[in-house]
Amino acid sequence: MIFLIPLLIIVGVIFGIDYLYFSDENSKIETQKEIKQEMNSSLKDERSKYIEELFDSKTKQ
């Protein structure tokens, strides 16, 4: 039992260092995902407008 306390402390320190080290990278990845999602939504809007224009031009002819 006495060996579990230092083991738990070591594991806690490792997880703490991991959290502090990778928290900045996680925020960068989240911003990249948001930018990519915004680009995808604008592409979907442009695609839908283009398709509507195609159908409108075909029905007018």
Protein backbone atom coordinates (compact mmCIF):
# COMPACT_ATOMS: atom_id res chain seq x y z
CA MET A 1 0.00 0.00 0.00
CA ILE A 2 2.81 2.40 0.79
CA PHE A 3 4.07 2.10 -2.80
CA LEU A 4 0.75 3.28 -4.26
CA ILE A 5 1.02 6.82 -2.88
CA PRO A 6 4.25 7.74 -4.73
CA LEU A 7 2.94 5.98 -7.83
CA LEU A 8 -0.24 8.04 -7.74
CA ILE A 9 1.78 11.22 -7.26
CA ILE A 10 4.02 10.39 -10.23
CA VAL A 11 1.04 9.61 -12.45
CA GLY A 12 -0.65 12.84 -11.37
CA VAL A 13 2.46 14.87 -12.17
CA ILE A 14 2.74 13.24 -15.60
CA PHE A 15 -0.89 14.02 -16.42
CA GLY A 16 -0.46 17.58 -15.16
CA ILE A 17 2.58 18.17 -17.35
CA ASP A 18 0.75 16.61 -20.30
CA TYR A 19 -2.23 18.89 -19.77
CA LEU A 20 -0.11 22.04 -19.52
CA TYR A 21 2.05 21.13 -22.51
CA PHE A 22 -0.74 20.17 -24.91
CA SER A 23 -3.43 22.69 -23.91
CA ASP A 24 -1.96 25.31 -26.27
CA GLU A 25 -1.89 22.85 -29.17
CA ASN A 26 -5.50 21.86 -28.50
CA SER A 27 -6.63 25.47 -28.78
CA LYS A 28 -4.76 25.84 -32.08
CA ILE A 29 -6.44 22.73 -33.46
CA GLU A 30 -9.88 23.98 -32.37
CA THR A 31 -9.37 27.30 -34.18
CA GLN A 32 -8.25 25.45 -37.31
CA LYS A 33 -11.40 23.30 -37.16
CA GLU A 34 -13.58 26.40 -36.78
CA ILE A 35 -11.94 28.06 -39.79
CA LYS A 36 -12.36 24.89 -41.86
CA GLN A 37 -16.01 24.62 -40.82
CA GLU A 38 -16.64 28.25 -41.81
CA MET A 39 -15.06 27.61 -45.19
CA ASN A 40 -17.20 24.50 -45.67
CA SER A 41 -20.40 26.39 -44.84
CA SER A 42 -19.55 29.16 -47.31
CA LEU A 43 -18.78 26.56 -49.97
CA LYS A 44 -22.13 24.88 -49.33
CA ASP A 45 -23.90 28.23 -49.70
CA GLU A 46 -22.10 28.96 -52.96
CA ARG A 47 -22.85 25.46 -54.26
CA SER A 48 -26.54 25.74 -53.45
CA LYS A 49 -26.76 29.17 -55.13
CA TYR A 50 -25.04 27.81 -58.22
CA ILE A 51 -27.40 24.84 -58.42
CA GLU A 52 -30.41 27.11 -58.01
CA GLU A 53 -29.13 29.32 -60.81
CA LEU A 54 -28.67 26.29 -63.05
CA PHE A 55 -32.20 25.09 -62.44
CA ASP A 56 -33.62 28.58 -62.87
CA SER A 57 -31.84 29.06 -66.19
CA LYS A 58 -33.03 25.65 -67.45
CA THR A 59 -36.65 26.32 -66.53
CA LYS A 60 -36.59 29.74 -68.24
CA GLN A 61 -35.40 28.28 -71.52
